[in-house]
């Protein structure tokens, strides 16, 4: 079994930074069988890392890729990867700064809304992975600040309930809130009279 040698931290730094800068030479500690230089192997690995990060960004920002087209997106993602390599081992965390990069990237200037699209996609992903919270209770949904709110909200909920019913979706929970709002509206109307 080959003996694993311990390399100084600078070797690891050279290995990692070289992955994102194709102009850098293969680190001297990277060697193939019998100690021969392994530039081709390192370049294959470098390419695999870049491709996997491009695919990660494409998975996080599918609408941006659809808008720009795959070739444009891949070029933009590759530039982003070289400018801002990952700092976390979690791929989910990568690309948080991609919308800011898009906003500054010279080739995306003709699409000033593209960065906002990316921000929306990131917000959706963050919300999707956020911890579940307790849903609002019907009391909270029926709470009002203005006297006209219960009746208006009940009317809006009725429209939502009817649309959901046409799609054969559950509506009991909406009806319960709607009924409470109607009751509250009539109580408020009686106290004003």
C-alpha atoms as a PDB file:
ATOM      1  CA  UNK A   1       0.000   0.000   0.000  1.00  0.00           C
ATOM      2  CA  UNK A   2       1.437   3.428  -0.897  1.00  0.00           C
ATOM      3  CA  UNK A   3       2.468   5.638   1.964  1.00  0.00           C
ATOM      4  CA  UNK A   4       0.475   8.868   2.326  1.00  0.00           C
ATOM      5  CA  UNK A   5       2.709  11.825   2.925  1.00  0.00           C
ATOM      6  CA  UNK A   6       1.632  14.822   4.918  1.00  0.00           C
ATOM      7  CA  UNK A   7       1.910  18.023   2.893  1.00  0.00           C
ATOM      8  CA  UNK A   8       2.079  21.526   4.286  1.00  0.00           C
ATOM      9  CA  UNK A   9      -1.037  23.698   4.237  1.00  0.00           C
ATOM     10  CA  UNK A  10       0.391  25.673   1.310  1.00  0.00           C
ATOM     11  CA  UNK A  11       0.120  22.513  -0.825  1.00  0.00           C
ATOM     12  CA  UNK A  12      -3.600  22.249  -0.107  1.00  0.00           C
ATOM     13  CA  UNK A  13      -4.056  25.944  -0.789  1.00  0.00           C
ATOM     14  CA  UNK A  14      -2.186  25.642  -4.101  1.00  0.00           C
ATOM     15  CA  UNK A  15      -4.288  22.619  -5.044  1.00  0.00           C
ATOM     16  CA  UNK A  16      -7.603  24.345  -4.233  1.00  0.00           C
ATOM     17  CA  UNK A  17      -6.831  27.732  -5.764  1.00  0.00           C
ATOM     18  CA  UNK A  18      -5.490  26.100  -8.906  1.00  0.00           C
ATOM     19  CA  UNK A  19      -8.845  24.414  -9.445  1.00  0.00           C
ATOM     20  CA  UNK A  20     -10.476  27.759 -10.180  1.00  0.00           C
ATOM     21  CA  UNK A  21      -7.675  29.411 -12.122  1.00  0.00           C
ATOM     22  CA  UNK A  22      -6.805  27.561 -15.337  1.00  0.00           C
ATOM     23  CA  UNK A  23      -3.771  29.785 -15.860  1.00  0.00           C
ATOM     24  CA  UNK A  24      -2.092  28.253 -12.799  1.00  0.00           C
ATOM     25  CA  UNK A  25       0.269  25.343 -13.209  1.00  0.00           C
ATOM     26  CA  UNK A  26      -0.488  21.976 -11.711  1.00  0.00           C
ATOM     27  CA  UNK A  27       0.689  22.030  -8.096  1.00  0.00           C
ATOM     28  CA  UNK A  28       4.043  20.302  -7.696  1.00  0.00           C
ATOM     29  CA  UNK A  29       2.680  17.888  -5.084  1.00  0.00           C
ATOM     30  CA  UNK A  30       0.218  16.421  -7.612  1.00  0.00           C
ATOM     31  CA  UNK A  31       1.861  13.397  -9.145  1.00  0.00           C
ATOM     32  CA  UNK A  32       0.775  10.296 -10.991  1.00  0.00           C
ATOM     33  CA  UNK A  33       2.137   6.757 -10.821  1.00  0.00           C
ATOM     34  CA  UNK A  34       5.878   6.494 -10.227  1.00  0.00           C
ATOM     35  CA  UNK A  35       5.936  10.197  -9.325  1.00  0.00           C
ATOM     36  CA  UNK A  36       5.396  11.473 -12.869  1.00  0.00           C
ATOM     37  CA  UNK A  37       3.749  14.836 -13.313  1.00  0.00           C
ATOM     38  CA  UNK A  38      -0.026  14.613 -13.473  1.00  0.00           C
ATOM     39  CA  UNK A  39      -1.019  17.807 -15.293  1.00  0.00           C
ATOM     40  CA  UNK A  40      -3.567  16.021 -17.499  1.00  0.00           C
ATOM     41  CA  UNK A  41      -5.173  14.324 -14.490  1.00  0.00           C
ATOM     42  CA  UNK A  42      -5.313  17.590 -12.570  1.00  0.00           C
ATOM     43  CA  UNK A  43      -6.863  19.374 -15.551  1.00  0.00           C
ATOM     44  CA  UNK A  44      -9.533  16.657 -15.818  1.00  0.00           C
ATOM     45  CA  UNK A  45     -10.286  17.100 -12.127  1.00  0.00           C
ATOM     46  CA  UNK A  46     -10.292  20.897 -12.516  1.00  0.00           C
ATOM     47  CA  UNK A  47     -12.776  20.593 -15.382  1.00  0.00           C
ATOM     48  CA  UNK A  48     -15.015  18.203 -13.402  1.00  0.00           C
ATOM     49  CA  UNK A  49     -15.145  20.622 -10.475  1.00  0.00           C
ATOM     50  CA  UNK A  50     -16.073  23.515 -12.759  1.00  0.00           C
ATOM     51  CA  UNK A  51     -18.728  21.517 -14.615  1.00  0.00           C
ATOM     52  CA  UNK A  52     -20.294  20.327 -11.355  1.00  0.00           C
ATOM     53  CA  UNK A  53     -20.476  23.902 -10.046  1.00  0.00           C
ATOM     54  CA  UNK A  54     -22.023  25.107 -13.323  1.00  0.00           C
ATOM     55  CA  UNK A  55     -24.623  22.343 -12.981  1.00  0.00           C
ATOM     56  CA  UNK A  56     -25.224  23.369  -9.385  1.00  0.00           C
ATOM     57  CA  UNK A  57     -25.883  26.958 -10.432  1.00  0.00           C
ATOM     58  CA  UNK A  58     -28.155  25.752 -13.247  1.00  0.00           C
ATOM     59  CA  UNK A  59     -30.163  23.719 -10.729  1.00  0.00           C
ATOM     60  CA  UNK A  60     -30.492  26.706  -8.383  1.00  0.00           C
ATOM     61  CA  UNK A  61     -31.259  29.236 -11.154  1.00  0.00           C
ATOM     62  CA  UNK A  62     -33.258  27.342 -13.833  1.00  0.00           C
ATOM     63  CA  UNK A  63     -35.278  30.387 -14.942  1.00  0.00           C
ATOM     64  CA  UNK A  64     -32.110  32.418 -15.465  1.00  0.00           C
ATOM     65  CA  UNK A  65     -30.717  29.617 -17.618  1.00  0.00           C
ATOM     66  CA  UNK A  66     -33.981  29.356 -19.560  1.00  0.00           C
ATOM     67  CA  UNK A  67     -33.987  33.117 -20.194  1.00  0.00           C
ATOM     68  CA  UNK A  68     -30.363  33.376 -21.276  1.00  0.00           C
ATOM     69  CA  UNK A  69     -29.984  30.034 -23.008  1.00  0.00           C
ATOM     70  CA  UNK A  70     -27.632  27.266 -21.943  1.00  0.00           C
ATOM     71  CA  UNK A  71     -24.478  28.575 -23.658  1.00  0.00           C
ATOM     72  CA  UNK A  72     -24.776  32.101 -22.247  1.00  0.00           C
ATOM     73  CA  UNK A  73     -25.610  30.728 -18.806  1.00  0.00           C
ATOM     74  CA  UNK A  74     -22.640  28.355 -18.812  1.00  0.00           C
ATOM     75  CA  UNK A  75     -20.259  31.176 -19.784  1.00  0.00           C
ATOM     76  CA  UNK A  76     -21.704  33.429 -17.084  1.00  0.00           C
ATOM     77  CA  UNK A  77     -21.552  30.638 -14.495  1.00  0.00           C
ATOM     78  CA  UNK A  78     -17.948  29.792 -15.431  1.00  0.00           C
ATOM     79  CA  UNK A  79     -16.944  33.456 -14.955  1.00  0.00           C
ATOM     80  CA  UNK A  80     -18.720  33.505 -11.599  1.00  0.00           C
ATOM     81  CA  UNK A  81     -16.991  30.308 -10.467  1.00  0.00           C
ATOM     82  CA  UNK A  82     -13.567  31.711 -11.308  1.00  0.00           C
ATOM     83  CA  UNK A  83     -14.360  34.992  -9.550  1.00  0.00           C
ATOM     84  CA  UNK A  84     -15.964  33.460  -6.459  1.00  0.00           C
ATOM     85  CA  UNK A  85     -15.046  29.840  -5.731  1.00  0.00           C
ATOM     86  CA  UNK A  86     -17.042  27.987  -3.075  1.00  0.00           C
ATOM     87  CA  UNK A  87     -16.290  28.708   0.564  1.00  0.00           C
ATOM     88  CA  UNK A  88     -18.587  26.043   2.015  1.00  0.00           C
ATOM     89  CA  UNK A  89     -18.591  22.286   1.448  1.00  0.00           C
ATOM     90  CA  UNK A  90     -22.394  22.467   1.055  1.00  0.00           C
ATOM     91  CA  UNK A  91     -23.420  22.959  -2.569  1.00  0.00           C
ATOM     92  CA  UNK A  92     -26.738  24.374  -1.351  1.00  0.00           C
ATOM     93  CA  UNK A  93     -24.811  27.388  -0.049  1.00  0.00           C
ATOM     94  CA  UNK A  94     -22.972  28.025  -3.285  1.00  0.00           C
ATOM     95  CA  UNK A  95     -24.149  30.792  -5.580  1.00  0.00           C
ATOM     96  CA  UNK A  96     -25.752  33.086  -3.014  1.00  0.00           C
ATOM     97  CA  UNK A  97     -23.796  35.941  -4.572  1.00  0.00           C
ATOM     98  CA  UNK A  98     -24.661  34.916  -8.147  1.00  0.00           C
ATOM     99  CA  UNK A  99     -27.425  37.562  -8.493  1.00  0.00           C
ATOM    100  CA  UNK A 100     -24.957  40.310  -7.521  1.00  0.00           C
ATOM    101  CA  UNK A 101     -22.439  38.866  -9.980  1.00  0.00           C
ATOM    102  CA  UNK A 102     -25.066  38.895 -12.761  1.00  0.00           C
ATOM    103  CA  UNK A 103     -25.886  42.525 -11.995  1.00  0.00           C
ATOM    104  CA  UNK A 104     -22.212  43.484 -12.432  1.00  0.00           C
ATOM    105  CA  UNK A 105     -21.291  41.144 -15.286  1.00  0.00           C
ATOM    106  CA  UNK A 106     -20.746  43.219 -18.422  1.00  0.00           C
ATOM    107  CA  UNK A 107     -22.381  40.728 -20.801  1.00  0.00           C
ATOM    108  CA  UNK A 108     -25.648  40.715 -18.813  1.00  0.00           C
ATOM    109  CA  UNK A 109     -26.092  44.487 -18.846  1.00  0.00           C
ATOM    110  CA  UNK A 110     -28.648  44.293 -21.676  1.00  0.00           C
ATOM    111  CA  UNK A 111     -30.896  42.299 -19.281  1.00  0.00           C
ATOM    112  CA  UNK A 112     -31.113  44.509 -16.175  1.00  0.00           C
ATOM    113  CA  UNK A 113     -33.956  42.390 -14.734  1.00  0.00           C
ATOM    114  CA  UNK A 114     -31.919  39.157 -14.881  1.00  0.00           C
ATOM    115  CA  UNK A 115     -30.292  39.722 -11.476  1.00  0.00           C
ATOM    116  CA  UNK A 116     -33.739  40.246  -9.919  1.00  0.00           C
ATOM    117  CA  UNK A 117     -34.920  36.995 -11.495  1.00  0.00           C
ATOM    118  CA  UNK A 118     -31.957  35.253  -9.884  1.00  0.00           C
ATOM    119  CA  UNK A 119     -32.766  36.880  -6.527  1.00  0.00           C
ATOM    120  CA  UNK A 120     -36.319  35.529  -6.730  1.00  0.00           C
ATOM    121  CA  UNK A 121     -35.045  32.046  -7.532  1.00  0.00           C
ATOM    122  CA  UNK A 122     -32.622  32.126  -4.599  1.00  0.00           C
ATOM    123  CA  UNK A 123     -35.358  33.387  -2.278  1.00  0.00           C
ATOM    124  CA  UNK A 124     -37.632  30.545  -3.411  1.00  0.00           C
ATOM    125  CA  UNK A 125     -34.898  27.979  -2.734  1.00  0.00           C
ATOM    126  CA  UNK A 126     -34.147  29.446   0.683  1.00  0.00           C
ATOM    127  CA  UNK A 127     -37.855  29.424   1.561  1.00  0.00           C
ATOM    128  CA  UNK A 128     -38.206  25.851   0.315  1.00  0.00           C
ATOM    129  CA  UNK A 129     -35.371  24.673   2.559  1.00  0.00           C
ATOM    130  CA  UNK A 130     -36.335  26.840   5.541  1.00  0.00           C
ATOM    131  CA  UNK A 131     -37.530  25.191   8.713  1.00  0.00           C
ATOM    132  CA  UNK A 132     -41.261  24.657   8.883  1.00  0.00           C
ATOM    133  CA  UNK A 133     -43.126  27.143  11.001  1.00  0.00           C
ATOM    134  CA  UNK A 134     -46.484  26.880  12.657  1.00  0.00           C
ATOM    135  CA  UNK A 135     -49.165  27.961  10.146  1.00  0.00           C
ATOM    136  CA  UNK A 136     -51.313  30.953  10.980  1.00  0.00           C
ATOM    137  CA  UNK A 137     -54.339  30.077  13.020  1.00  0.00           C
ATOM    138  CA  UNK A 138     -57.813  31.051  11.905  1.00  0.00           C
ATOM    139  CA  UNK A 139     -57.803  33.553  14.798  1.00  0.00           C
ATOM    140  CA  UNK A 140     -54.734  35.263  13.362  1.00  0.00           C
ATOM    141  CA  UNK A 141     -56.202  35.257   9.866  1.00  0.00           C
ATOM    142  CA  UNK A 142     -59.466  36.688  11.183  1.00  0.00           C
ATOM    143  CA  UNK A 143     -57.721  39.482  13.113  1.00  0.00           C
ATOM    144  CA  UNK A 144     -58.504  42.945  11.800  1.00  0.00           C
ATOM    145  CA  UNK A 145     -57.338  46.486  12.318  1.00  0.00           C
ATOM    146  CA  UNK A 146     -60.004  48.321  10.311  1.00  0.00           C
ATOM    147  CA  UNK A 147     -63.771  47.899  10.418  1.00  0.00           C
ATOM    148  CA  UNK A 148     -64.014  47.191   6.690  1.00  0.00           C
ATOM    149  CA  UNK A 149     -61.401  44.391   6.715  1.00  0.00           C
ATOM    150  CA  UNK A 150     -63.545  41.423   7.838  1.00  0.00           C
ATOM    151  CA  UNK A 151     -66.127  41.862   5.105  1.00  0.00           C
ATOM    152  CA  UNK A 152     -63.549  42.530   2.365  1.00  0.00           C
ATOM    153  CA  UNK A 153     -61.322  39.640   3.454  1.00  0.00           C
ATOM    154  CA  UNK A 154     -64.323  37.297   3.670  1.00  0.00           C
ATOM    155  CA  UNK A 155     -65.328  38.273   0.129  1.00  0.00           C
ATOM    156  CA  UNK A 156     -61.781  37.613  -1.151  1.00  0.00           C
ATOM    157  CA  UNK A 157     -61.656  34.264   0.645  1.00  0.00           C
ATOM    158  CA  UNK A 158     -65.002  33.308  -0.909  1.00  0.00           C
ATOM    159  CA  UNK A 159     -63.518  33.893  -4.378  1.00  0.00           C
ATOM    160  CA  UNK A 160     -60.466  31.803  -3.491  1.00  0.00           C
ATOM    161  CA  UNK A 161     -62.672  29.067  -2.005  1.00  0.00           C
ATOM    162  CA  UNK A 162     -64.853  28.949  -5.127  1.00  0.00           C
ATOM    163  CA  UNK A 163     -61.806  28.734  -7.417  1.00  0.00           C
ATOM    164  CA  UNK A 164     -60.324  25.917  -5.326  1.00  0.00           C
ATOM    165  CA  UNK A 165     -63.664  24.094  -5.280  1.00  0.00           C
ATOM    166  CA  UNK A 166     -63.773  24.189  -9.096  1.00  0.00           C
ATOM    167  CA  UNK A 167     -60.377  22.426  -9.057  1.00  0.00           C
ATOM    168  CA  UNK A 168     -61.678  19.887  -6.538  1.00  0.00           C
ATOM    169  CA  UNK A 169     -59.284  21.132  -3.842  1.00  0.00           C
ATOM    170  CA  UNK A 170     -60.008  21.197  -0.103  1.00  0.00           C
ATOM    171  CA  UNK A 171     -61.921  24.279   0.978  1.00  0.00           C
ATOM    172  CA  UNK A 172     -63.192  23.497   4.488  1.00  0.00           C
ATOM    173  CA  UNK A 173     -60.413  25.459   6.160  1.00  0.00           C
ATOM    174  CA  UNK A 174     -61.188  28.514   4.007  1.00  0.00           C
ATOM    175  CA  UNK A 175     -64.897  28.300   4.779  1.00  0.00           C
ATOM    176  CA  UNK A 176     -64.169  28.236   8.529  1.00  0.00           C
ATOM    177  CA  UNK A 177     -62.127  31.441   8.338  1.00  0.00           C
ATOM    178  CA  UNK A 178     -64.644  33.037   6.010  1.00  0.00           C
ATOM    179  CA  UNK A 179     -67.488  32.284   8.473  1.00  0.00           C
ATOM    180  CA  UNK A 180     -65.534  33.833  11.352  1.00  0.00           C
ATOM    181  CA  UNK A 181     -64.892  36.969   9.318  1.00  0.00           C
ATOM    182  CA  UNK A 182     -68.555  37.297   8.356  1.00  0.00           C
ATOM    183  CA  UNK A 183     -69.515  36.973  12.034  1.00  0.00           C
ATOM    184  CA  UNK A 184     -66.919  39.558  12.993  1.00  0.00           C
ATOM    185  CA  UNK A 185     -68.148  41.928  10.266  1.00  0.00           C
ATOM    186  CA  UNK A 186     -71.735  41.735  11.499  1.00  0.00           C
ATOM    187  CA  UNK A 187     -70.584  42.252  15.113  1.00  0.00           C
ATOM    188  CA  UNK A 188     -68.622  45.343  14.093  1.00  0.00           C
ATOM    189  CA  UNK A 189     -71.614  46.639  12.110  1.00  0.00           C
ATOM    190  CA  UNK A 190     -73.875  46.232  15.159  1.00  0.00           C
ATOM    191  CA  UNK A 191     -71.438  48.054  17.470  1.00  0.00           C
ATOM    192  CA  UNK A 192     -71.225  50.975  15.033  1.00  0.00           C
ATOM    193  CA  UNK A 193     -75.029  51.264  14.813  1.00  0.00           C
END
